[in-house]
């Protein structure tokens, strides 16, 4: 998970979400995601060498996370046929 998040590979993360969902492991996946985001924010905020880029880096991370949650962390909906009239 950490490598996929570091590379910002939403496709692989979506596949992981689907696999974890099948085995009732979403709590574990979400805990890993939360830990990564917290560590990434801490790293950005405490990186004195790139202090001038902090806001831009935080906004970029936020955007990535929002898109990831919208696109990858979703349950697959299986269409069902409605009742016959």
N, C-alpha and C. Protein backbone atom coordinates (compact mmCIF):
# COMPACT_ATOMS: atom_id res chain seq x y z
N UNK A 1 0.82 -1.19 0.00
CA UNK A 1 0.00 0.00 0.00
C UNK A 1 0.87 1.25 0.00
N UNK A 2 1.88 1.29 0.85
CA UNK A 2 2.71 2.48 0.97
C UNK A 2 3.36 2.83 -0.36
N UNK A 3 3.85 1.83 -1.08
CA UNK A 3 4.50 2.09 -2.36
C UNK A 3 3.49 2.65 -3.37
N UNK A 4 2.31 2.10 -3.42
CA UNK A 4 1.27 2.60 -4.34
C UNK A 4 0.89 4.03 -4.00
N UNK A 5 0.80 4.33 -2.72
CA UNK A 5 0.46 5.70 -2.32
C UNK A 5 1.61 6.65 -2.62
N UNK A 6 2.84 6.20 -2.40
CA UNK A 6 4.00 7.03 -2.71
C UNK A 6 4.05 7.35 -4.20
N UNK A 7 3.72 6.34 -5.03
CA UNK A 7 3.72 6.53 -6.48
C UNK A 7 2.43 7.19 -6.97
N UNK A 8 1.47 7.33 -6.07
CA UNK A 8 0.15 7.89 -6.40
C UNK A 8 -0.52 7.12 -7.53
N UNK A 9 -0.52 5.80 -7.37
CA UNK A 9 -1.09 4.90 -8.37
C UNK A 9 -2.50 4.50 -7.95
N UNK A 10 -3.47 5.31 -8.35
CA UNK A 10 -4.86 5.09 -7.97
C UNK A 10 -5.43 3.79 -8.51
N UNK A 11 -4.96 3.35 -9.67
CA UNK A 11 -5.47 2.11 -10.26
C UNK A 11 -5.12 0.91 -9.40
N UNK A 12 -3.89 0.84 -8.94
CA UNK A 12 -3.47 -0.27 -8.08
C UNK A 12 -4.19 -0.21 -6.73
N UNK A 13 -4.38 1.00 -6.23
CA UNK A 13 -5.05 1.14 -4.94
C UNK A 13 -6.52 0.72 -5.06
N UNK A 14 -7.15 1.04 -6.17
CA UNK A 14 -8.54 0.61 -6.40
C UNK A 14 -8.62 -0.91 -6.44
N UNK A 15 -7.64 -1.55 -7.08
CA UNK A 15 -7.61 -3.02 -7.13
C UNK A 15 -7.41 -3.59 -5.73
N UNK A 16 -6.56 -2.95 -4.94
CA UNK A 16 -6.36 -3.40 -3.56
C UNK A 16 -7.65 -3.26 -2.76
N UNK A 17 -8.35 -2.15 -2.96
CA UNK A 17 -9.60 -1.93 -2.25
C UNK A 17 -10.58 -3.06 -2.56
N UNK A 18 -10.68 -3.42 -3.83
CA UNK A 18 -11.60 -4.49 -4.23
C UNK A 18 -11.21 -5.81 -3.57
N UNK A 19 -9.92 -6.11 -3.54
CA UNK A 19 -9.45 -7.36 -2.91
C UNK A 19 -9.73 -7.36 -1.41
N UNK A 20 -9.41 -6.26 -0.75
CA UNK A 20 -9.63 -6.18 0.70
C UNK A 20 -11.12 -6.24 1.03
N UNK A 21 -11.95 -5.67 0.18
CA UNK A 21 -13.39 -5.70 0.40
C UNK A 21 -13.92 -7.13 0.35
N UNK A 22 -13.37 -7.93 -0.55
CA UNK A 22 -13.83 -9.32 -0.69
C UNK A 22 -13.54 -10.16 0.54
N UNK A 23 -12.49 -9.81 1.29
CA UNK A 23 -12.11 -10.61 2.46
C UNK A 23 -12.38 -9.87 3.77
N UNK A 24 -13.28 -8.89 3.73
CA UNK A 24 -13.67 -8.12 4.91
C UNK A 24 -12.46 -7.46 5.57
N UNK A 25 -11.58 -6.89 4.75
CA UNK A 25 -10.36 -6.29 5.27
C UNK A 25 -10.28 -4.79 5.08
N UNK A 26 -11.42 -4.14 4.88
CA UNK A 26 -11.39 -2.70 4.63
C UNK A 26 -10.90 -1.89 5.82
N UNK A 27 -11.14 -2.37 7.04
CA UNK A 27 -10.64 -1.65 8.21
C UNK A 27 -9.12 -1.58 8.18
N UNK A 28 -8.50 -2.68 7.81
CA UNK A 28 -7.04 -2.74 7.74
C UNK A 28 -6.52 -1.81 6.65
N UNK A 29 -7.16 -1.84 5.49
CA UNK A 29 -6.75 -0.98 4.38
C UNK A 29 -6.91 0.49 4.74
N UNK A 30 -8.03 0.84 5.34
CA UNK A 30 -8.28 2.23 5.72
C UNK A 30 -7.31 2.71 6.79
N UNK A 31 -6.97 1.83 7.72
CA UNK A 31 -5.99 2.19 8.76
C UNK A 31 -4.62 2.45 8.13
N UNK A 32 -4.26 1.65 7.16
CA UNK A 32 -2.99 1.84 6.45
C UNK A 32 -2.99 3.16 5.69
N UNK A 33 -4.10 3.45 5.03
CA UNK A 33 -4.23 4.71 4.28
C UNK A 33 -4.12 5.90 5.23
N UNK A 34 -4.83 5.84 6.33
CA UNK A 34 -4.80 6.93 7.31
C UNK A 34 -3.39 7.15 7.84
N UNK A 35 -2.69 6.07 8.17
CA UNK A 35 -1.33 6.18 8.69
C UNK A 35 -0.40 6.81 7.65
N UNK A 36 -0.58 6.41 6.39
CA UNK A 36 0.27 6.98 5.34
C UNK A 36 0.01 8.47 5.18
N UNK A 37 -1.23 8.87 5.16
CA UNK A 37 -1.57 10.28 4.99
C UNK A 37 -1.03 11.10 6.16
N UNK A 38 -1.19 10.60 7.37
CA UNK A 38 -0.69 11.32 8.53
C UNK A 38 0.83 11.47 8.46
N UNK A 39 1.53 10.41 8.07
CA UNK A 39 2.99 10.46 7.96
C UNK A 39 3.42 11.42 6.84
N UNK A 40 2.68 11.41 5.73
CA UNK A 40 3.00 12.30 4.61
C UNK A 40 2.82 13.76 5.02
N UNK A 41 1.74 14.06 5.72
CA UNK A 41 1.49 15.43 6.18
C UNK A 41 2.59 15.86 7.15
N UNK A 42 2.93 14.99 8.08
CA UNK A 42 3.99 15.31 9.04
C UNK A 42 5.31 15.57 8.33
N UNK A 43 5.62 14.76 7.33
CA UNK A 43 6.87 14.92 6.59
C UNK A 43 6.88 16.25 5.85
N UNK A 44 5.77 16.62 5.23
CA UNK A 44 5.68 17.89 4.50
C UNK A 44 5.84 19.07 5.46
N UNK A 45 5.15 19.01 6.58
CA UNK A 45 5.14 20.14 7.53
C UNK A 45 6.49 20.31 8.23
N UNK A 46 7.21 19.23 8.46
CA UNK A 46 8.48 19.33 9.18
C UNK A 46 9.70 19.43 8.28
N UNK A 47 9.52 19.41 6.97
CA UNK A 47 10.62 19.49 6.02
C UNK A 47 11.06 20.95 5.86
N UNK A 48 12.03 21.36 6.65
CA UNK A 48 12.49 22.75 6.68
C UNK A 48 13.10 23.16 5.34
N UNK A 49 13.78 22.24 4.68
CA UNK A 49 14.43 22.56 3.40
C UNK A 49 13.43 22.98 2.32
N UNK A 50 12.21 22.45 2.39
CA UNK A 50 11.20 22.75 1.37
C UNK A 50 10.03 23.53 1.97
N UNK A 51 10.35 24.38 2.94
CA UNK A 51 9.33 25.15 3.63
C UNK A 51 8.52 26.03 2.67
N UNK A 52 9.17 26.56 1.67
CA UNK A 52 8.48 27.43 0.71
C UNK A 52 7.45 26.67 -0.12
N UNK A 53 7.61 25.37 -0.24
CA UNK A 53 6.70 24.53 -1.04
C UNK A 53 5.64 23.83 -0.19
N UNK A 54 5.61 24.12 1.11
CA UNK A 54 4.72 23.37 2.01
C UNK A 54 3.26 23.46 1.59
N UNK A 55 2.75 24.64 1.35
CA UNK A 55 1.33 24.80 1.02
C UNK A 55 1.00 24.06 -0.27
N UNK A 56 1.84 24.24 -1.28
CA UNK A 56 1.62 23.55 -2.55
C UNK A 56 1.64 22.03 -2.38
N UNK A 57 2.55 21.54 -1.58
CA UNK A 57 2.64 20.09 -1.34
C UNK A 57 1.42 19.57 -0.59
N UNK A 58 0.96 20.32 0.40
CA UNK A 58 -0.23 19.92 1.15
C UNK A 58 -1.48 19.93 0.26
N UNK A 59 -1.60 20.94 -0.57
CA UNK A 59 -2.75 21.02 -1.48
C UNK A 59 -2.71 19.86 -2.48
N UNK A 60 -1.53 19.55 -2.98
CA UNK A 60 -1.38 18.43 -3.92
C UNK A 60 -1.76 17.11 -3.26
N UNK A 61 -1.30 16.90 -2.03
CA UNK A 61 -1.64 15.68 -1.30
C UNK A 61 -3.14 15.61 -1.05
N UNK A 62 -3.73 16.72 -0.65
CA UNK A 62 -5.18 16.75 -0.41
C UNK A 62 -5.96 16.41 -1.67
N UNK A 63 -5.55 16.99 -2.77
CA UNK A 63 -6.22 16.71 -4.04
C UNK A 63 -6.12 15.24 -4.42
N UNK A 64 -4.92 14.69 -4.28
CA UNK A 64 -4.74 13.27 -4.59
C UNK A 64 -5.64 12.41 -3.70
N UNK A 65 -5.66 12.70 -2.41
CA UNK A 65 -6.46 11.91 -1.47
C UNK A 65 -7.95 12.02 -1.76
N UNK A 66 -8.42 13.22 -2.06
CA UNK A 66 -9.84 13.39 -2.39
C UNK A 66 -10.22 12.60 -3.63
N UNK A 67 -9.39 12.68 -4.66
CA UNK A 67 -9.66 11.93 -5.89
C UNK A 67 -9.59 10.43 -5.64
N UNK A 68 -8.63 10.02 -4.84
CA UNK A 68 -8.49 8.61 -4.53
C UNK A 68 -9.72 8.09 -3.79
N UNK A 69 -10.18 8.83 -2.81
CA UNK A 69 -11.37 8.41 -2.06
C UNK A 69 -12.59 8.35 -2.97
N UNK A 70 -12.70 9.30 -3.88
CA UNK A 70 -13.84 9.33 -4.79
C UNK A 70 -13.78 8.19 -5.82
N UNK A 71 -12.59 7.90 -6.33
CA UNK A 71 -12.47 6.96 -7.44
C UNK A 71 -12.08 5.54 -7.05
N UNK A 72 -11.29 5.38 -6.00
CA UNK A 72 -10.76 4.06 -5.67
C UNK A 72 -11.42 3.43 -4.45
N UNK A 73 -11.79 4.24 -3.47
CA UNK A 73 -12.35 3.69 -2.24
C UNK A 73 -13.87 3.67 -2.33
N UNK A 74 -14.36 2.94 -3.30
CA UNK A 74 -15.80 2.83 -3.50
C UNK A 74 -16.18 1.37 -3.66
N UNK A 75 -17.33 1.03 -3.18
CA UNK A 75 -17.83 -0.33 -3.34
C UNK A 75 -18.39 -0.49 -4.75
N UNK A 76 -18.07 -1.61 -5.33
CA UNK A 76 -18.58 -1.90 -6.65
C UNK A 76 -20.08 -2.18 -6.55
N UNK A 77 -20.84 -1.50 -7.35
CA UNK A 77 -22.29 -1.67 -7.35
C UNK A 77 -22.65 -2.61 -8.49
N UNK A 78 -23.30 -3.69 -8.14
CA UNK A 78 -23.74 -4.65 -9.15
C UNK A 78 -25.16 -4.31 -9.52
N UNK A 79 -25.38 -3.97 -10.79
CA UNK A 79 -26.74 -3.61 -11.19
C UNK A 79 -27.70 -4.78 -11.00
N UNK A 80 -28.88 -4.45 -10.52
CA UNK A 80 -29.92 -5.47 -10.36
C UNK A 80 -31.08 -5.07 -11.23
N UNK A 81 -31.77 -6.05 -11.71
CA UNK A 81 -32.95 -5.73 -12.53
C UNK A 81 -34.09 -5.38 -11.59
N UNK A 82 -34.82 -4.37 -11.96
CA UNK A 82 -35.94 -3.92 -11.15
C UNK A 82 -37.12 -4.87 -11.29
N UNK A 83 -38.13 -4.64 -10.50
CA UNK A 83 -39.31 -5.51 -10.57
C UNK A 83 -40.02 -5.35 -11.93
N UNK A 84 -40.56 -6.42 -12.39
CA UNK A 84 -41.29 -6.40 -13.67
C UNK A 84 -42.64 -5.75 -13.49
N UNK A 85 -43.03 -4.99 -14.49
CA UNK A 85 -44.36 -4.37 -14.43
C UNK A 85 -45.38 -5.25 -15.05
